[in-house]
């Protein structure tokens, strides 16, 4: 078993001065913590993997392809491989668990 605490993951991510921390990588998936602060720009480009976002905290909008929705704590969003997507109008610091399948690059 592998178990993780969000507060420890957030501290590790912050210590490495990066927006993304991959903390689990297995044969068929990887999982990471993605952080964007209020007002920040999301620099993502489309990925070659399917993704599932689970919003742990914060508020923002996300556009996936041509569709836009608001997200907040508890929101889950699926993004198919190759589809353009970005968080925007981030009104509260955003912390998101990201599951890639297959594992990210």
N, C-alpha and C. Protein backbone atom coordinates (compact mmCIF):
# COMPACT_ATOMS: atom_id res chain seq x y z
N UNK A 1 0.84 -1.18 0.00
CA UNK A 1 0.00 0.00 0.00
C UNK A 1 0.89 1.24 0.00
N UNK A 2 0.40 2.25 -0.67
CA UNK A 2 1.03 3.57 -0.63
C UNK A 2 -0.05 4.54 -0.15
N UNK A 3 0.29 5.35 0.82
CA UNK A 3 -0.67 6.31 1.36
C UNK A 3 0.00 7.68 1.43
N UNK A 4 -0.78 8.72 1.22
CA UNK A 4 -0.24 10.08 1.15
C UNK A 4 -1.12 11.03 1.94
N UNK A 5 -0.52 12.10 2.44
CA UNK A 5 -1.25 13.17 3.12
C UNK A 5 -1.13 14.43 2.28
N UNK A 6 -2.25 15.07 2.03
CA UNK A 6 -2.24 16.26 1.18
C UNK A 6 -1.36 17.38 1.74
N UNK A 7 -1.36 17.57 3.06
CA UNK A 7 -0.53 18.64 3.62
C UNK A 7 0.96 18.37 3.38
N UNK A 8 1.38 17.11 3.45
CA UNK A 8 2.77 16.77 3.19
C UNK A 8 3.11 16.91 1.70
N UNK A 9 2.18 16.52 0.84
CA UNK A 9 2.39 16.68 -0.60
C UNK A 9 2.50 18.16 -0.97
N UNK A 10 1.64 18.98 -0.38
CA UNK A 10 1.68 20.42 -0.66
C UNK A 10 3.00 21.02 -0.19
N UNK A 11 3.48 20.60 0.96
CA UNK A 11 4.76 21.11 1.46
C UNK A 11 5.91 20.69 0.54
N UNK A 12 5.89 19.45 0.07
CA UNK A 12 6.93 18.99 -0.85
C UNK A 12 6.88 19.74 -2.17
N UNK A 13 5.67 19.94 -2.69
CA UNK A 13 5.51 20.68 -3.94
C UNK A 13 6.05 22.10 -3.78
N UNK A 14 5.67 22.76 -2.72
CA UNK A 14 6.10 24.15 -2.48
C UNK A 14 7.63 24.23 -2.30
N UNK A 15 8.22 23.23 -1.66
CA UNK A 15 9.67 23.23 -1.44
C UNK A 15 10.45 23.13 -2.75
N UNK A 16 9.82 22.56 -3.76
CA UNK A 16 10.49 22.41 -5.05
C UNK A 16 10.14 23.54 -6.02
N UNK A 17 9.42 24.56 -5.54
CA UNK A 17 9.07 25.74 -6.33
C UNK A 17 8.43 25.40 -7.67
N UNK A 18 7.61 24.37 -7.71
CA UNK A 18 6.94 24.01 -8.95
C UNK A 18 5.44 23.96 -8.76
N UNK A 19 4.72 24.11 -9.86
CA UNK A 19 3.26 24.04 -9.79
C UNK A 19 2.77 22.60 -9.71
N UNK A 20 3.61 21.63 -10.16
CA UNK A 20 3.16 20.24 -10.23
C UNK A 20 4.14 19.32 -9.52
N UNK A 21 3.60 18.41 -8.72
CA UNK A 21 4.39 17.38 -8.05
C UNK A 21 3.78 16.03 -8.36
N UNK A 22 4.50 15.21 -9.12
CA UNK A 22 4.06 13.83 -9.33
C UNK A 22 4.48 13.03 -8.11
N UNK A 23 3.52 12.39 -7.44
CA UNK A 23 3.87 11.65 -6.22
C UNK A 23 3.60 10.16 -6.33
N UNK A 24 3.00 9.72 -7.42
CA UNK A 24 2.76 8.30 -7.63
C UNK A 24 2.87 8.00 -9.11
N UNK A 25 3.62 6.96 -9.44
CA UNK A 25 3.75 6.54 -10.84
C UNK A 25 3.72 5.01 -10.87
N UNK A 26 2.75 4.48 -11.59
CA UNK A 26 2.61 3.04 -11.76
C UNK A 26 2.53 2.74 -13.25
N UNK A 27 2.44 1.48 -13.58
CA UNK A 27 2.45 1.07 -14.99
C UNK A 27 1.33 1.72 -15.80
N UNK A 28 0.13 1.84 -15.24
CA UNK A 28 -1.03 2.31 -16.00
C UNK A 28 -1.51 3.71 -15.65
N UNK A 29 -0.84 4.37 -14.69
CA UNK A 29 -1.30 5.71 -14.31
C UNK A 29 -0.22 6.43 -13.51
N UNK A 30 -0.37 7.73 -13.44
CA UNK A 30 0.42 8.54 -12.52
C UNK A 30 -0.52 9.54 -11.86
N UNK A 31 -0.12 10.01 -10.68
CA UNK A 31 -0.95 10.94 -9.91
C UNK A 31 -0.06 12.06 -9.41
N UNK A 32 -0.58 13.28 -9.49
CA UNK A 32 0.18 14.42 -9.02
C UNK A 32 -0.70 15.47 -8.39
N UNK A 33 -0.06 16.43 -7.77
CA UNK A 33 -0.74 17.58 -7.18
C UNK A 33 -0.37 18.81 -8.00
N UNK A 34 -1.38 19.52 -8.49
CA UNK A 34 -1.19 20.71 -9.33
C UNK A 34 -1.70 21.91 -8.55
N UNK A 35 -0.91 22.98 -8.55
CA UNK A 35 -1.26 24.17 -7.77
C UNK A 35 -1.18 25.42 -8.64
N UNK A 36 -2.23 26.21 -8.59
CA UNK A 36 -2.25 27.52 -9.22
C UNK A 36 -2.84 28.50 -8.21
N UNK A 37 -2.16 29.62 -8.01
CA UNK A 37 -2.65 30.60 -7.05
C UNK A 37 -3.66 31.54 -7.70
N UNK A 38 -4.45 32.19 -6.87
CA UNK A 38 -5.48 33.12 -7.36
C UNK A 38 -4.85 34.11 -8.32
N UNK A 39 -5.50 34.30 -9.47
CA UNK A 39 -5.05 35.25 -10.47
C UNK A 39 -3.95 34.74 -11.38
N UNK A 40 -3.41 33.57 -11.10
CA UNK A 40 -2.30 33.02 -11.88
C UNK A 40 -2.78 32.48 -13.23
N UNK A 41 -1.86 32.44 -14.20
CA UNK A 41 -2.12 31.91 -15.54
C UNK A 41 -1.77 30.43 -15.57
N UNK A 42 -2.62 29.61 -16.19
CA UNK A 42 -2.38 28.17 -16.33
C UNK A 42 -1.67 27.93 -17.66
N UNK A 43 -0.41 27.49 -17.64
CA UNK A 43 0.37 27.34 -18.87
C UNK A 43 0.21 25.99 -19.57
N UNK A 44 -0.73 25.16 -19.16
CA UNK A 44 -0.84 23.81 -19.71
C UNK A 44 -1.03 23.78 -21.22
N UNK A 45 -0.50 22.74 -21.80
CA UNK A 45 -0.72 22.38 -23.20
C UNK A 45 -1.44 21.03 -23.20
N UNK A 46 -2.11 20.65 -24.28
CA UNK A 46 -2.75 19.32 -24.31
C UNK A 46 -1.74 18.21 -24.03
N UNK A 47 -2.22 17.19 -23.35
CA UNK A 47 -1.39 16.04 -22.98
C UNK A 47 -1.74 14.84 -23.86
N UNK A 48 -0.83 13.88 -23.91
CA UNK A 48 -1.04 12.67 -24.70
C UNK A 48 -1.78 11.59 -23.91
N UNK A 49 -2.18 11.91 -22.70
CA UNK A 49 -2.87 10.96 -21.83
C UNK A 49 -4.24 11.49 -21.45
N UNK A 50 -5.16 10.57 -21.13
CA UNK A 50 -6.41 10.98 -20.51
C UNK A 50 -6.07 11.50 -19.11
N UNK A 51 -6.88 12.45 -18.63
CA UNK A 51 -6.66 13.02 -17.31
C UNK A 51 -7.98 13.11 -16.55
N UNK A 52 -7.88 12.97 -15.25
CA UNK A 52 -8.99 13.26 -14.36
C UNK A 52 -8.47 14.25 -13.33
N UNK A 53 -9.18 15.37 -13.18
CA UNK A 53 -8.86 16.38 -12.18
C UNK A 53 -9.86 16.26 -11.03
N UNK A 54 -9.34 16.26 -9.80
CA UNK A 54 -10.18 16.32 -8.61
C UNK A 54 -9.76 17.56 -7.83
N UNK A 55 -10.65 18.53 -7.71
CA UNK A 55 -10.33 19.78 -7.04
C UNK A 55 -10.39 19.58 -5.52
N UNK A 56 -9.24 19.76 -4.90
CA UNK A 56 -9.10 19.61 -3.45
C UNK A 56 -9.51 20.90 -2.74
N UNK A 57 -9.12 22.04 -3.32
CA UNK A 57 -9.48 23.33 -2.74
C UNK A 57 -9.36 24.41 -3.80
N UNK A 58 -10.03 25.52 -3.54
CA UNK A 58 -9.98 26.66 -4.44
C UNK A 58 -11.19 26.79 -5.34
N UNK A 59 -11.15 27.85 -6.16
CA UNK A 59 -12.25 28.12 -7.11
C UNK A 59 -11.65 28.64 -8.40
N UNK A 60 -12.23 28.19 -9.51
CA UNK A 60 -11.76 28.64 -10.83
C UNK A 60 -12.79 28.21 -11.87
N UNK A 61 -12.50 28.57 -13.10
CA UNK A 61 -13.22 28.01 -14.24
C UNK A 61 -12.23 27.14 -14.99
N UNK A 62 -12.74 26.17 -15.72
CA UNK A 62 -11.90 25.36 -16.60
C UNK A 62 -12.59 25.26 -17.94
N UNK A 63 -11.80 25.40 -18.98
CA UNK A 63 -12.29 25.19 -20.33
C UNK A 63 -11.62 23.95 -20.88
N UNK A 64 -12.43 23.02 -21.37
CA UNK A 64 -11.96 21.79 -21.99
C UNK A 64 -12.56 21.76 -23.38
N UNK A 65 -11.69 21.86 -24.40
CA UNK A 65 -12.20 21.98 -25.76
C UNK A 65 -12.99 23.27 -25.87
N UNK A 66 -14.27 23.16 -26.19
CA UNK A 66 -15.14 24.34 -26.34
C UNK A 66 -16.10 24.52 -25.16
N UNK A 67 -15.96 23.69 -24.12
CA UNK A 67 -16.86 23.75 -22.98
C UNK A 67 -16.17 24.36 -21.77
N UNK A 68 -16.91 25.21 -21.03
CA UNK A 68 -16.39 25.84 -19.83
C UNK A 68 -17.33 25.57 -18.67
N UNK A 69 -16.74 25.32 -17.50
CA UNK A 69 -17.53 25.14 -16.28
C UNK A 69 -16.75 25.70 -15.11
N UNK A 70 -17.47 26.01 -14.04
CA UNK A 70 -16.81 26.45 -12.81
C UNK A 70 -16.50 25.23 -11.96
N UNK A 71 -15.36 25.30 -11.25
CA UNK A 71 -14.97 24.21 -10.37
C UNK A 71 -14.64 24.76 -8.99
N UNK A 72 -14.85 23.93 -7.99
CA UNK A 72 -14.52 24.25 -6.61
C UNK A 72 -14.26 22.92 -5.90
N UNK A 73 -13.96 23.00 -4.62
CA UNK A 73 -13.66 21.79 -3.85
C UNK A 73 -14.70 20.70 -4.13
N UNK A 74 -14.20 19.51 -4.48
CA UNK A 74 -15.08 18.38 -4.75
C UNK A 74 -15.41 18.17 -6.21
N UNK A 75 -15.08 19.13 -7.07
CA UNK A 75 -15.36 18.99 -8.50
C UNK A 75 -14.42 17.95 -9.12
N UNK A 76 -14.95 17.19 -10.07
CA UNK A 76 -14.18 16.21 -10.81
C UNK A 76 -14.39 16.49 -12.30
N UNK A 77 -13.28 16.58 -13.05
CA UNK A 77 -13.35 16.90 -14.48
C UNK A 77 -12.51 15.88 -15.25
N UNK A 78 -13.08 15.32 -16.30
CA UNK A 78 -12.35 14.41 -17.19
C UNK A 78 -11.92 15.18 -18.42
N UNK A 79 -10.64 15.00 -18.82
CA UNK A 79 -10.10 15.63 -20.02
C UNK A 79 -9.52 14.54 -20.92
N UNK A 80 -10.11 14.33 -22.10
CA UNK A 80 -9.57 13.31 -23.00
C UNK A 80 -8.19 13.70 -23.52
N UNK A 81 -7.39 12.70 -23.84
CA UNK A 81 -6.05 12.92 -24.39
C UNK A 81 -6.13 13.82 -25.61
N UNK A 82 -5.19 14.76 -25.70
CA UNK A 82 -5.07 15.62 -26.87
C UNK A 82 -5.98 16.83 -26.92
N UNK A 83 -6.89 16.97 -25.95
CA UNK A 83 -7.85 18.08 -25.96
C UNK A 83 -7.27 19.27 -25.18
N UNK A 84 -7.32 20.45 -25.79
CA UNK A 84 -6.85 21.68 -25.13
C UNK A 84 -7.70 21.95 -23.89
N UNK A 85 -7.03 22.37 -22.82
CA UNK A 85 -7.74 22.66 -21.57
C UNK A 85 -6.91 23.60 -20.71
N UNK A 86 -7.59 24.45 -19.97
CA UNK A 86 -6.92 25.41 -19.08
C UNK A 86 -7.85 25.81 -17.96
N UNK A 87 -7.25 26.00 -16.77
CA UNK A 87 -7.95 26.66 -15.68
C UNK A 87 -7.81 28.16 -15.90
N UNK A 88 -8.82 28.92 -15.55
CA UNK A 88 -8.76 30.38 -15.69
C UNK A 88 -9.72 31.01 -14.68
N UNK A 89 -9.68 32.32 -14.58
CA UNK A 89 -10.48 33.04 -13.59
C UNK A 89 -10.35 32.38 -12.22
N UNK A 90 -9.11 32.15 -11.82
CA UNK A 90 -8.82 31.49 -10.55
C UNK A 90 -9.02 32.52 -9.44
N UNK A 91 -10.11 32.36 -8.70
CA UNK A 91 -10.45 33.35 -7.68
C UNK A 91 -9.97 32.96 -6.29
N UNK A 92 -9.68 31.70 -6.06
CA UNK A 92 -9.10 31.21 -4.81
C UNK A 92 -8.00 30.22 -5.17
N UNK A 93 -6.90 30.24 -4.40
CA UNK A 93 -5.78 29.32 -4.67
C UNK A 93 -6.32 27.92 -4.96
N UNK A 94 -5.87 27.35 -6.05
CA UNK A 94 -6.40 26.09 -6.56
C UNK A 94 -5.41 24.96 -6.29
N UNK A 95 -5.88 23.87 -5.69
CA UNK A 95 -5.09 22.66 -5.49
C UNK A 95 -5.88 21.51 -6.08
N UNK A 96 -5.26 20.80 -7.01
CA UNK A 96 -5.97 19.79 -7.80
C UNK A 96 -5.15 18.50 -7.84
N UNK A 97 -5.78 17.38 -7.55
CA UNK A 97 -5.16 16.08 -7.80
C UNK A 97 -5.39 15.74 -9.26
N UNK A 98 -4.33 15.28 -9.93
CA UNK A 98 -4.40 14.95 -11.35
C UNK A 98 -4.01 13.49 -11.53
N UNK A 99 -4.88 12.73 -12.20
CA UNK A 99 -4.60 11.35 -12.52
C UNK A 99 -4.42 11.26 -14.03
N UNK A 100 -3.25 10.79 -14.47
CA UNK A 100 -2.95 10.56 -15.89
C UNK A 100 -3.01 9.07 -16.16
N UNK A 101 -3.61 8.71 -17.29
CA UNK A 101 -3.60 7.31 -17.72
C UNK A 101 -3.44 7.27 -19.24
N UNK A 102 -2.39 6.61 -19.73
CA UNK A 102 -1.27 6.01 -18.99
C UNK A 102 -0.44 7.09 -18.30
N UNK A 103 0.63 6.72 -17.59
CA UNK A 103 1.41 7.71 -16.85
C UNK A 103 1.90 8.84 -17.75
N UNK A 104 1.99 10.03 -17.19
CA UNK A 104 2.51 11.19 -17.91
C UNK A 104 3.97 10.95 -18.26
N UNK A 105 4.32 11.35 -19.50
CA UNK A 105 5.66 11.33 -20.07
C UNK A 105 6.70 10.82 -19.17
